[in-house]
């Protein structure tokens, strides 16, 4: 696994990412839906496994799931699993933080 630096610090990540607001991140040609929630960062594939819609255009519900804007399928940010298991799980990308910055694993 390669760890790619996406932010220089937690402060710069928090300035760029609003809480519970999905954002598209392009890393080495991959579309990743990046979310900041509760002091943690989550990365899942940006393409809904049901419809192919961009999840970064969706929202985060009260359970902390990313909700597809097209058909409202809901995916767990930690596991990628759709809440009712109606479609394939999303690919999840680990995010880690250290004194050098914030990194995503590909």
PDB file of N, CA and C in Angstrom:
ATOM      1  N   UNK A   1       0.842  -1.179   0.000  1.00  0.00           N
ATOM      2  CA  UNK A   1       0.000   0.000   0.000  1.00  0.00           C
ATOM      3  C   UNK A   1       0.885   1.239   0.000  1.00  0.00           C
ATOM      4  N   UNK A   2       0.530   2.191  -0.848  1.00  0.00           N
ATOM      5  CA  UNK A   2       1.226   3.476  -0.878  1.00  0.00           C
ATOM      6  C   UNK A   2       0.432   4.485  -0.059  1.00  0.00           C
ATOM      7  N   UNK A   3       1.139   5.266   0.745  1.00  0.00           N
ATOM      8  CA  UNK A   3       0.510   6.337   1.515  1.00  0.00           C
ATOM      9  C   UNK A   3       0.795   7.661   0.824  1.00  0.00           C
ATOM     10  N   UNK A   4      -0.262   8.325   0.379  1.00  0.00           N
ATOM     11  CA  UNK A   4      -0.146   9.583  -0.368  1.00  0.00           C
ATOM     12  C   UNK A   4      -0.568  10.733   0.555  1.00  0.00           C
ATOM     13  N   UNK A   5       0.295  11.728   0.653  1.00  0.00           N
ATOM     14  CA  UNK A   5      -0.012  12.889   1.489  1.00  0.00           C
ATOM     15  C   UNK A   5      -1.095  13.724   0.813  1.00  0.00           C
ATOM     16  N   UNK A   6      -2.177  14.003   1.566  1.00  0.00           N
ATOM     17  CA  UNK A   6      -3.268  14.798   0.998  1.00  0.00           C
ATOM     18  C   UNK A   6      -3.422  16.156   1.683  1.00  0.00           C
ATOM     19  N   UNK A   7      -2.897  16.280   2.902  1.00  0.00           N
ATOM     20  CA  UNK A   7      -2.894  17.563   3.617  1.00  0.00           C
ATOM     21  C   UNK A   7      -1.614  17.662   4.428  1.00  0.00           C
ATOM     22  N   UNK A   8      -1.109  18.886   4.591  1.00  0.00           N
ATOM     23  CA  UNK A   8       0.113  19.117   5.357  1.00  0.00           C
ATOM     24  C   UNK A   8      -0.102  18.996   6.860  1.00  0.00           C
ATOM     25  N   UNK A   9      -1.336  19.228   7.312  1.00  0.00           N
ATOM     26  CA  UNK A   9      -1.629  19.176   8.744  1.00  0.00           C
ATOM     27  C   UNK A   9      -3.124  18.954   8.947  1.00  0.00           C
ATOM     28  N   UNK A  10      -3.489  18.608  10.176  1.00  0.00           N
ATOM     29  CA  UNK A  10      -4.907  18.453  10.498  1.00  0.00           C
ATOM     30  C   UNK A  10      -5.626  19.790  10.361  1.00  0.00           C
ATOM     31  N   UNK A  11      -4.949  20.869  10.725  1.00  0.00           N
ATOM     32  CA  UNK A  11      -5.551  22.203  10.618  1.00  0.00           C
ATOM     33  C   UNK A  11      -5.871  22.552   9.167  1.00  0.00           C
ATOM     34  N   UNK A  12      -4.968  22.222   8.255  1.00  0.00           N
ATOM     35  CA  UNK A  12      -5.239  22.533   6.841  1.00  0.00           C
ATOM     36  C   UNK A  12      -6.354  21.643   6.300  1.00  0.00           C
ATOM     37  N   UNK A  13      -6.446  20.398   6.789  1.00  0.00           N
ATOM     38  CA  UNK A  13      -7.536  19.510   6.373  1.00  0.00           C
ATOM     39  C   UNK A  13      -8.873  20.034   6.883  1.00  0.00           C
ATOM     40  N   UNK A  14      -8.895  20.465   8.130  1.00  0.00           N
ATOM     41  CA  UNK A  14     -10.136  20.989   8.699  1.00  0.00           C
ATOM     42  C   UNK A  14     -10.560  22.287   8.029  1.00  0.00           C
ATOM     43  N   UNK A  15      -9.599  23.071   7.575  1.00  0.00           N
ATOM     44  CA  UNK A  15      -9.935  24.308   6.852  1.00  0.00           C
ATOM     45  C   UNK A  15     -10.518  24.002   5.469  1.00  0.00           C
ATOM     46  N   UNK A  16     -10.060  22.920   4.863  1.00  0.00           N
ATOM     47  CA  UNK A  16     -10.504  22.569   3.507  1.00  0.00           C
ATOM     48  C   UNK A  16     -11.779  21.730   3.485  1.00  0.00           C
ATOM     49  N   UNK A  17     -12.027  20.967   4.548  1.00  0.00           N
ATOM     50  CA  UNK A  17     -13.175  20.056   4.594  1.00  0.00           C
ATOM     51  C   UNK A  17     -14.151  20.473   5.688  1.00  0.00           C
ATOM     52  N   UNK A  18     -15.358  20.789   5.304  1.00  0.00           N
ATOM     53  CA  UNK A  18     -16.398  21.079   6.296  1.00  0.00           C
ATOM     54  C   UNK A  18     -16.868  19.771   6.915  1.00  0.00           C
ATOM     55  N   UNK A  19     -17.213  19.820   8.174  1.00  0.00           N
ATOM     56  CA  UNK A  19     -17.729  18.651   8.885  1.00  0.00           C
ATOM     57  C   UNK A  19     -18.964  18.103   8.164  1.00  0.00           C
ATOM     58  N   UNK A  20     -18.987  16.785   7.946  1.00  0.00           N
ATOM     59  CA  UNK A  20     -20.122  16.088   7.338  1.00  0.00           C
ATOM     60  C   UNK A  20     -20.486  16.572   5.934  1.00  0.00           C
ATOM     61  N   UNK A  21     -19.507  17.078   5.207  1.00  0.00           N
ATOM     62  CA  UNK A  21     -19.739  17.517   3.828  1.00  0.00           C
ATOM     63  C   UNK A  21     -18.795  16.747   2.902  1.00  0.00           C
ATOM     64  N   UNK A  22     -19.307  15.761   2.154  1.00  0.00           N
ATOM     65  CA  UNK A  22     -18.441  14.992   1.257  1.00  0.00           C
ATOM     66  C   UNK A  22     -17.735  15.885   0.244  1.00  0.00           C
ATOM     67  N   UNK A  23     -16.516  15.480  -0.095  1.00  0.00           N
ATOM     68  CA  UNK A  23     -15.730  16.254  -1.070  1.00  0.00           C
ATOM     69  C   UNK A  23     -14.987  15.282  -1.985  1.00  0.00           C
ATOM     70  N   UNK A  24     -14.944  15.616  -3.255  1.00  0.00           N
ATOM     71  CA  UNK A  24     -14.223  14.795  -4.222  1.00  0.00           C
ATOM     72  C   UNK A  24     -12.729  15.046  -4.091  1.00  0.00           C
ATOM     73  N   UNK A  25     -11.977  13.950  -4.028  1.00  0.00           N
ATOM     74  CA  UNK A  25     -10.523  14.001  -3.985  1.00  0.00           C
ATOM     75  C   UNK A  25     -10.005  13.111  -5.106  1.00  0.00           C
ATOM     76  N   UNK A  26      -9.163  13.655  -5.970  1.00  0.00           N
ATOM     77  CA  UNK A  26      -8.546  12.879  -7.048  1.00  0.00           C
ATOM     78  C   UNK A  26      -7.127  12.534  -6.633  1.00  0.00           C
ATOM     79  N   UNK A  27      -6.843  11.232  -6.545  1.00  0.00           N
ATOM     80  CA  UNK A  27      -5.507  10.765  -6.162  1.00  0.00           C
ATOM     81  C   UNK A  27      -5.087   9.675  -7.131  1.00  0.00           C
ATOM     82  N   UNK A  28      -4.039   9.955  -7.888  1.00  0.00           N
ATOM     83  CA  UNK A  28      -3.513   8.984  -8.860  1.00  0.00           C
ATOM     84  C   UNK A  28      -4.606   8.413  -9.759  1.00  0.00           C
ATOM     85  N   UNK A  29      -5.457   9.292 -10.240  1.00  0.00           N
ATOM     86  CA  UNK A  29      -6.507   8.893 -11.163  1.00  0.00           C
ATOM     87  C   UNK A  29      -7.720   8.253 -10.512  1.00  0.00           C
ATOM     88  N   UNK A  30      -7.724   8.120  -9.197  1.00  0.00           N
ATOM     89  CA  UNK A  30      -8.872   7.545  -8.488  1.00  0.00           C
ATOM     90  C   UNK A  30      -9.750   8.657  -7.950  1.00  0.00           C
ATOM     91  N   UNK A  31     -11.058   8.473  -8.106  1.00  0.00           N
ATOM     92  CA  UNK A  31     -12.045   9.398  -7.540  1.00  0.00           C
ATOM     93  C   UNK A  31     -12.413   8.886  -6.151  1.00  0.00           C
ATOM     94  N   UNK A  32     -12.113   9.689  -5.143  1.00  0.00           N
ATOM     95  CA  UNK A  32     -12.360   9.309  -3.754  1.00  0.00           C
ATOM     96  C   UNK A  32     -13.286  10.335  -3.117  1.00  0.00           C
ATOM     97  N   UNK A  33     -14.294   9.831  -2.418  1.00  0.00           N
ATOM     98  CA  UNK A  33     -15.188  10.678  -1.629  1.00  0.00           C
ATOM     99  C   UNK A  33     -14.563  10.788  -0.241  1.00  0.00           C
ATOM    100  N   UNK A  34     -14.143  11.985   0.111  1.00  0.00           N
ATOM    101  CA  UNK A  34     -13.468  12.231   1.385  1.00  0.00           C
ATOM    102  C   UNK A  34     -14.427  12.954   2.325  1.00  0.00           C
ATOM    103  N   UNK A  35     -14.489  12.486   3.578  1.00  0.00           N
ATOM    104  CA  UNK A  35     -15.418  13.062   4.559  1.00  0.00           C
ATOM    105  C   UNK A  35     -14.699  13.269   5.879  1.00  0.00           C
ATOM    106  N   UNK A  36     -14.962  14.427   6.501  1.00  0.00           N
ATOM    107  CA  UNK A  36     -14.504  14.690   7.870  1.00  0.00           C
ATOM    108  C   UNK A  36     -15.728  14.588   8.771  1.00  0.00           C
ATOM    109  N   UNK A  37     -15.643  13.707   9.753  1.00  0.00           N
ATOM    110  CA  UNK A  37     -16.772  13.514  10.673  1.00  0.00           C
ATOM    111  C   UNK A  37     -16.243  13.177  12.069  1.00  0.00           C
ATOM    112  N   UNK A  38     -16.655  13.974  13.033  1.00  0.00           N
ATOM    113  CA  UNK A  38     -16.286  13.699  14.422  1.00  0.00           C
ATOM    114  C   UNK A  38     -14.796  13.655  14.684  1.00  0.00           C
ATOM    115  N   UNK A  39     -14.038  14.502  13.995  1.00  0.00           N
ATOM    116  CA  UNK A  39     -12.598  14.533  14.201  1.00  0.00           C
ATOM    117  C   UNK A  39     -11.830  13.468  13.435  1.00  0.00           C
ATOM    118  N   UNK A  40     -12.537  12.644  12.657  1.00  0.00           N
ATOM    119  CA  UNK A  40     -11.898  11.603  11.850  1.00  0.00           C
ATOM    120  C   UNK A  40     -12.104  11.889  10.366  1.00  0.00           C
ATOM    121  N   UNK A  41     -11.272  11.252   9.566  1.00  0.00           N
ATOM    122  CA  UNK A  41     -11.363  11.390   8.116  1.00  0.00           C
ATOM    123  C   UNK A  41     -11.626  10.021   7.507  1.00  0.00           C
ATOM    124  N   UNK A  42     -12.509   9.984   6.514  1.00  0.00           N
ATOM    125  CA  UNK A  42     -12.892   8.738   5.859  1.00  0.00           C
ATOM    126  C   UNK A  42     -12.785   8.908   4.356  1.00  0.00           C
ATOM    127  N   UNK A  43     -12.339   7.856   3.693  1.00  0.00           N
ATOM    128  CA  UNK A  43     -12.265   7.851   2.238  1.00  0.00           C
ATOM    129  C   UNK A  43     -12.925   6.605   1.670  1.00  0.00           C
ATOM    130  N   UNK A  44     -13.883   6.800   0.766  1.00  0.00           N
ATOM    131  CA  UNK A  44     -14.531   5.689   0.064  1.00  0.00           C
ATOM    132  C   UNK A  44     -14.555   6.025  -1.418  1.00  0.00           C
ATOM    133  N   UNK A  45     -14.753   4.993  -2.241  1.00  0.00           N
ATOM    134  CA  UNK A  45     -14.848   5.263  -3.678  1.00  0.00           C
ATOM    135  C   UNK A  45     -15.956   6.264  -3.922  1.00  0.00           C
ATOM    136  N   UNK A  46     -15.773   7.135  -4.888  1.00  0.00           N
ATOM    137  CA  UNK A  46     -16.746   8.192  -5.153  1.00  0.00           C
ATOM    138  C   UNK A  46     -17.933   7.693  -5.964  1.00  0.00           C
ATOM    139  N   UNK A  47     -17.825   6.541  -6.568  1.00  0.00           N
ATOM    140  CA  UNK A  47     -18.868   6.022  -7.463  1.00  0.00           C
ATOM    141  C   UNK A  47     -19.803   5.085  -6.698  1.00  0.00           C
ATOM    142  N   UNK A  48     -21.086   5.427  -6.632  1.00  0.00           N
ATOM    143  CA  UNK A  48     -22.079   4.578  -5.988  1.00  0.00           C
ATOM    144  C   UNK A  48     -22.097   3.220  -6.684  1.00  0.00           C
ATOM    145  N   UNK A  49     -22.049   2.146  -5.902  1.00  0.00           N
ATOM    146  CA  UNK A  49     -22.017   0.809  -6.496  1.00  0.00           C
ATOM    147  C   UNK A  49     -23.377   0.387  -7.046  1.00  0.00           C
ATOM    148  N   UNK A  50     -24.411   1.151  -6.767  1.00  0.00           N
ATOM    149  CA  UNK A  50     -25.739   0.866  -7.310  1.00  0.00           C
ATOM    150  C   UNK A  50     -25.962   1.582  -8.633  1.00  0.00           C
ATOM    151  N   UNK A  51     -25.722   2.889  -8.635  1.00  0.00           N
ATOM    152  CA  UNK A  51     -26.093   3.693  -9.805  1.00  0.00           C
ATOM    153  C   UNK A  51     -24.920   4.327 -10.542  1.00  0.00           C
ATOM    154  N   UNK A  52     -23.750   4.363  -9.900  1.00  0.00           N
ATOM    155  CA  UNK A  52     -22.597   5.007 -10.521  1.00  0.00           C
ATOM    156  C   UNK A  52     -22.526   6.504 -10.265  1.00  0.00           C
ATOM    157  N   UNK A  53     -23.484   7.055  -9.543  1.00  0.00           N
ATOM    158  CA  UNK A  53     -23.508   8.485  -9.237  1.00  0.00           C
ATOM    159  C   UNK A  53     -22.345   8.854  -8.315  1.00  0.00           C
ATOM    160  N   UNK A  54     -21.904  10.091  -8.401  1.00  0.00           N
ATOM    161  CA  UNK A  54     -20.816  10.597  -7.559  1.00  0.00           C
ATOM    162  C   UNK A  54     -21.312  10.805  -6.130  1.00  0.00           C
ATOM    163  N   UNK A  55     -20.722  10.080  -5.181  1.00  0.00           N
ATOM    164  CA  UNK A  55     -21.131  10.199  -3.784  1.00  0.00           C
ATOM    165  C   UNK A  55     -20.697  11.521  -3.167  1.00  0.00           C
ATOM    166  N   UNK A  56     -19.685  12.154  -3.730  1.00  0.00           N
ATOM    167  CA  UNK A  56     -19.255  13.449  -3.199  1.00  0.00           C
ATOM    168  C   UNK A  56     -20.305  14.532  -3.454  1.00  0.00           C
ATOM    169  N   UNK A  57     -21.294  14.229  -4.283  1.00  0.00           N
ATOM    170  CA  UNK A  57     -22.421  15.146  -4.504  1.00  0.00           C
ATOM    171  C   UNK A  57     -23.548  14.888  -3.512  1.00  0.00           C
ATOM    172  N   UNK A  58     -23.402  13.842  -2.694  1.00  0.00           N
ATOM    173  CA  UNK A  58     -24.429  13.465  -1.735  1.00  0.00           C
ATOM    174  C   UNK A  58     -24.262  14.179  -0.410  1.00  0.00           C
ATOM    175  N   UNK A  59     -24.799  13.563   0.634  1.00  0.00           N
ATOM    176  CA  UNK A  59     -24.690  14.148   1.969  1.00  0.00           C
ATOM    177  C   UNK A  59     -24.432  13.049   2.987  1.00  0.00           C
ATOM    178  N   UNK A  60     -24.240  13.466   4.235  1.00  0.00           N
ATOM    179  CA  UNK A  60     -24.013  12.543   5.337  1.00  0.00           C
ATOM    180  C   UNK A  60     -25.255  12.581   6.229  1.00  0.00           C
ATOM    181  N   UNK A  61     -25.828  11.416   6.536  1.00  0.00           N
ATOM    182  CA  UNK A  61     -27.023  11.378   7.371  1.00  0.00           C
ATOM    183  C   UNK A  61     -26.653  11.362   8.857  1.00  0.00           C
ATOM    184  N   UNK A  62     -27.663  11.323   9.714  1.00  0.00           N
ATOM    185  CA  UNK A  62     -27.436  11.374  11.159  1.00  0.00           C
ATOM    186  C   UNK A  62     -26.691  10.146  11.692  1.00  0.00           C
ATOM    187  N   UNK A  63     -26.691   9.044  10.933  1.00  0.00           N
ATOM    188  CA  UNK A  63     -25.959   7.838  11.329  1.00  0.00           C
ATOM    189  C   UNK A  63     -24.496   7.870  10.889  1.00  0.00           C
ATOM    190  N   UNK A  64     -24.136   8.909  10.150  1.00  0.00           N
ATOM    191  CA  UNK A  64     -22.766   9.009   9.650  1.00  0.00           C
ATOM    192  C   UNK A  64     -22.535   8.212   8.389  1.00  0.00           C
ATOM    193  N   UNK A  65     -23.579   7.995   7.612  1.00  0.00           N
ATOM    194  CA  UNK A  65     -23.464   7.284   6.343  1.00  0.00           C
ATOM    195  C   UNK A  65     -23.473   8.287   5.200  1.00  0.00           C
ATOM    196  N   UNK A  66     -22.720   7.979   4.143  1.00  0.00           N
ATOM    197  CA  UNK A  66     -22.785   8.817   2.955  1.00  0.00           C
ATOM    198  C   UNK A  66     -24.004   8.354   2.152  1.00  0.00           C
ATOM    199  N   UNK A  67     -24.818   9.325   1.713  1.00  0.00           N
ATOM    200  CA  UNK A  67     -26.078   9.040   1.035  1.00  0.00           C
ATOM    201  C   UNK A  67     -25.951   9.446  -0.428  1.00  0.00           C
ATOM    202  N   UNK A  68     -26.198   8.489  -1.316  1.00  0.00           N
ATOM    203  CA  UNK A  68     -26.135   8.758  -2.753  1.00  0.00           C
ATOM    204  C   UNK A  68     -27.235   9.751  -3.134  1.00  0.00           C
ATOM    205  N   UNK A  69     -26.896  10.780  -3.917  1.00  0.00           N
ATOM    206  CA  UNK A  69     -27.894  11.781  -4.271  1.00  0.00           C
ATOM    207  C   UNK A  69     -28.942  11.292  -5.279  1.00  0.00           C
ATOM    208  N   UNK A  70     -28.695  10.185  -5.945  1.00  0.00           N
ATOM    209  CA  UNK A  70     -29.624   9.733  -6.978  1.00  0.00           C
ATOM    210  C   UNK A  70     -30.776   8.904  -6.417  1.00  0.00           C
ATOM    211  N   UNK A  71     -30.474   7.830  -5.687  1.00  0.00           N
ATOM    212  CA  UNK A  71     -31.524   6.945  -5.167  1.00  0.00           C
ATOM    213  C   UNK A  71     -31.491   6.811  -3.644  1.00  0.00           C
ATOM    214  N   UNK A  72     -30.671   7.604  -2.976  1.00  0.00           N
ATOM    215  CA  UNK A  72     -30.575   7.653  -1.517  1.00  0.00           C
ATOM    216  C   UNK A  72     -30.087   6.349  -0.874  1.00  0.00           C
ATOM    217  N   UNK A  73     -29.301   5.565  -1.604  1.00  0.00           N
ATOM    218  CA  UNK A  73     -28.650   4.421  -0.969  1.00  0.00           C
ATOM    219  C   UNK A  73     -27.659   4.976   0.047  1.00  0.00           C
ATOM    220  N   UNK A  74     -27.522   4.298   1.189  1.00  0.00           N
ATOM    221  CA  UNK A  74     -26.714   4.789   2.299  1.00  0.00           C
ATOM    222  C   UNK A  74     -25.565   3.825   2.581  1.00  0.00           C
ATOM    223  N   UNK A  75     -24.345   4.367   2.656  1.00  0.00           N
ATOM    224  CA  UNK A  75     -23.150   3.549   2.815  1.00  0.00           C
ATOM    225  C   UNK A  75     -22.390   3.938   4.075  1.00  0.00           C
ATOM    226  N   UNK A  76     -21.983   2.924   4.843  1.00  0.00           N
ATOM    227  CA  UNK A  76     -21.194   3.127   6.041  1.00  0.00           C
ATOM    228  C   UNK A  76     -19.799   3.623   5.644  1.00  0.00           C
ATOM    229  N   UNK A  77     -19.352   4.699   6.265  1.00  0.00           N
ATOM    230  CA  UNK A  77     -18.052   5.272   5.919  1.00  0.00           C
ATOM    231  C   UNK A  77     -16.878   4.407   6.362  1.00  0.00           C
ATOM    232  N   UNK A  78     -17.056   3.579   7.386  1.00  0.00           N
ATOM    233  CA  UNK A  78     -15.973   2.732   7.888  1.00  0.00           C
ATOM    234  C   UNK A  78     -15.838   1.441   7.088  1.00  0.00           C
ATOM    235  N   UNK A  79     -16.984   0.850   6.717  1.00  0.00           N
ATOM    236  CA  UNK A  79     -16.962  -0.465   6.068  1.00  0.00           C
ATOM    237  C   UNK A  79     -17.293  -0.439   4.583  1.00  0.00           C
ATOM    238  N   UNK A  80     -17.963   0.629   4.130  1.00  0.00           N
ATOM    239  CA  UNK A  80     -18.396   0.715   2.734  1.00  0.00           C
ATOM    240  C   UNK A  80     -19.695  -0.023   2.455  1.00  0.00           C
ATOM    241  N   UNK A  81     -20.254  -0.677   3.462  1.00  0.00           N
ATOM    242  CA  UNK A  81     -21.460  -1.487   3.277  1.00  0.00           C
ATOM    243  C   UNK A  81     -22.706  -0.618   3.152  1.00  0.00           C
ATOM    244  N   UNK A  82     -23.551  -0.962   2.185  1.00  0.00           N
ATOM    245  CA  UNK A  82     -24.837  -0.280   2.010  1.00  0.00           C
ATOM    246  C   UNK A  82     -25.761  -0.741   3.127  1.00  0.00           C
ATOM    247  N   UNK A  83     -26.507   0.172   3.717  1.00  0.00           N
ATOM    248  CA  UNK A  83     -27.261  -0.115   4.942  1.00  0.00           C
ATOM    249  C   UNK A  83     -28.233  -1.287   4.807  1.00  0.00           C
ATOM    250  N   UNK A  84     -28.830  -1.474   3.651  1.00  0.00           N
ATOM    251  CA  UNK A  84     -29.774  -2.582   3.448  1.00  0.00           C
ATOM    252  C   UNK A  84     -29.177  -3.701   2.602  1.00  0.00           C
ATOM    253  N   UNK A  85     -27.896  -3.617   2.326  1.00  0.00           N
ATOM    254  CA  UNK A  85     -27.165  -4.621   1.546  1.00  0.00           C
ATOM    255  C   UNK A  85     -27.839  -4.919   0.209  1.00  0.00           C
ATOM    256  N   UNK A  86     -28.275  -3.841  -0.473  1.00  0.00           N
ATOM    257  CA  UNK A  86     -28.940  -3.979  -1.772  1.00  0.00           C
ATOM    258  C   UNK A  86     -27.966  -3.958  -2.940  1.00  0.00           C
ATOM    259  N   UNK A  87     -26.714  -3.601  -2.661  1.00  0.00           N
ATOM    260  CA  UNK A  87     -25.713  -3.531  -3.727  1.00  0.00           C
ATOM    261  C   UNK A  87     -24.333  -3.802  -3.131  1.00  0.00           C
ATOM    262  N   UNK A  88     -23.333  -3.824  -3.975  1.00  0.00           N
ATOM    263  CA  UNK A  88     -21.966  -4.132  -3.544  1.00  0.00           C
ATOM    264  C   UNK A  88     -21.428  -3.077  -2.581  1.00  0.00           C
ATOM    265  N   UNK A  89     -20.531  -3.514  -1.711  1.00  0.00           N
ATOM    266  CA  UNK A  89     -19.851  -2.595  -0.796  1.00  0.00           C
ATOM    267  C   UNK A  89     -18.956  -1.647  -1.581  1.00  0.00           C
ATOM    268  N   UNK A  90     -18.726  -0.471  -1.011  1.00  0.00           N
ATOM    269  CA  UNK A  90     -17.791   0.481  -1.593  1.00  0.00           C
ATOM    270  C   UNK A  90     -16.370   0.096  -1.205  1.00  0.00           C
ATOM    271  N   UNK A  91     -15.422   0.464  -2.045  1.00  0.00           N
ATOM    272  CA  UNK A  91     -14.021   0.326  -1.667  1.00  0.00           C
ATOM    273  C   UNK A  91     -13.698   1.438  -0.673  1.00  0.00           C
ATOM    274  N   UNK A  92     -13.044   1.072   0.416  1.00  0.00           N
ATOM    275  CA  UNK A  92     -12.664   2.040   1.445  1.00  0.00           C
ATOM    276  C   UNK A  92     -11.156   2.276   1.384  1.00  0.00           C
ATOM    277  N   UNK A  93     -10.759   3.493   1.661  1.00  0.00           N
ATOM    278  CA  UNK A  93      -9.349   3.878   1.649  1.00  0.00           C
ATOM    279  C   UNK A  93      -8.962   4.361   3.046  1.00  0.00           C
ATOM    280  N   UNK A  94      -7.979   3.724   3.682  1.00  0.00           N
ATOM    281  CA  UNK A  94      -7.585   4.148   5.026  1.00  0.00           C
ATOM    282  C   UNK A  94      -6.954   5.542   5.002  1.00  0.00           C
ATOM    283  N   UNK A  95      -7.230   6.295   6.054  1.00  0.00           N
ATOM    284  CA  UNK A  95      -6.651   7.634   6.212  1.00  0.00           C
ATOM    285  C   UNK A  95      -5.916   7.643   7.544  1.00  0.00           C
ATOM    286  N   UNK A  96      -4.679   8.124   7.516  1.00  0.00           N
ATOM    287  CA  UNK A  96      -3.913   8.217   8.769  1.00  0.00           C
ATOM    288  C   UNK A  96      -3.344   9.620   8.915  1.00  0.00           C
ATOM    289  N   UNK A  97      -3.096   9.954  10.165  1.00  0.00           N
ATOM    290  CA  UNK A  97      -2.577  11.280  10.504  1.00  0.00           C
ATOM    291  C   UNK A  97      -1.335  11.108  11.362  1.00  0.00           C
ATOM    292  N   UNK A  98      -0.308  11.904  11.063  1.00  0.00           N
ATOM    293  CA  UNK A  98       0.865  11.960  11.938  1.00  0.00           C
ATOM    294  C   UNK A  98       1.425  13.383  11.887  1.00  0.00           C
ATOM    295  N   UNK A  99       2.591  13.584  12.485  1.00  0.00           N
ATOM    296  CA  UNK A  99       3.153  14.951  12.569  1.00  0.00           C
ATOM    297  C   UNK A  99       3.521  15.525  11.198  1.00  0.00           C
ATOM    298  N   UNK A 100       3.636  14.661  10.165  1.00  0.00           N
ATOM    299  CA  UNK A 100       3.982  15.129   8.821  1.00  0.00           C
ATOM    300  C   UNK A 100       2.758  15.519   7.987  1.00  0.00           C
ATOM    301  N   UNK A 101       1.550  15.159   8.436  1.00  0.00           N
ATOM    302  CA  UNK A 101       0.359  15.494   7.682  1.00  0.00           C
ATOM    303  C   UNK A 101      -0.696  14.410   7.728  1.00  0.00           C
ATOM    304  N   UNK A 102      -1.586  14.457   6.773  1.00  0.00           N
ATOM    305  CA  UNK A 102      -2.658  13.464   6.640  1.00  0.00           C
ATOM    306  C   UNK A 102      -2.446  12.735   5.331  1.00  0.00           C
ATOM    307  N   UNK A 103      -2.563  11.410   5.398  1.00  0.00           N
ATOM    308  CA  UNK A 103      -2.250  10.545   4.260  1.00  0.00           C
ATOM    309  C   UNK A 103      -3.409   9.614   3.971  1.00  0.00           C
ATOM    310  N   UNK A 104      -3.558   9.235   2.699  1.00  0.00           N
ATOM    311  CA  UNK A 104      -4.552   8.249   2.309  1.00  0.00           C
ATOM    312  C   UNK A 104      -3.833   7.067   1.692  1.00  0.00           C
ATOM    313  N   UNK A 105      -4.308   5.866   2.008  1.00  0.00           N
ATOM    314  CA  UNK A 105      -3.665   4.651   1.517  1.00  0.00           C
ATOM    315  C   UNK A 105      -4.323   4.127   0.254  1.00  0.00           C
ATOM    316  N   UNK A 106      -3.475   3.902  -0.754  1.00  0.00           N
ATOM    317  CA  UNK A 106      -3.970   3.320  -2.003  1.00  0.00           C
ATOM    318  C   UNK A 106      -3.269   1.995  -2.237  1.00  0.00           C
TER     319      UNK A 106
END
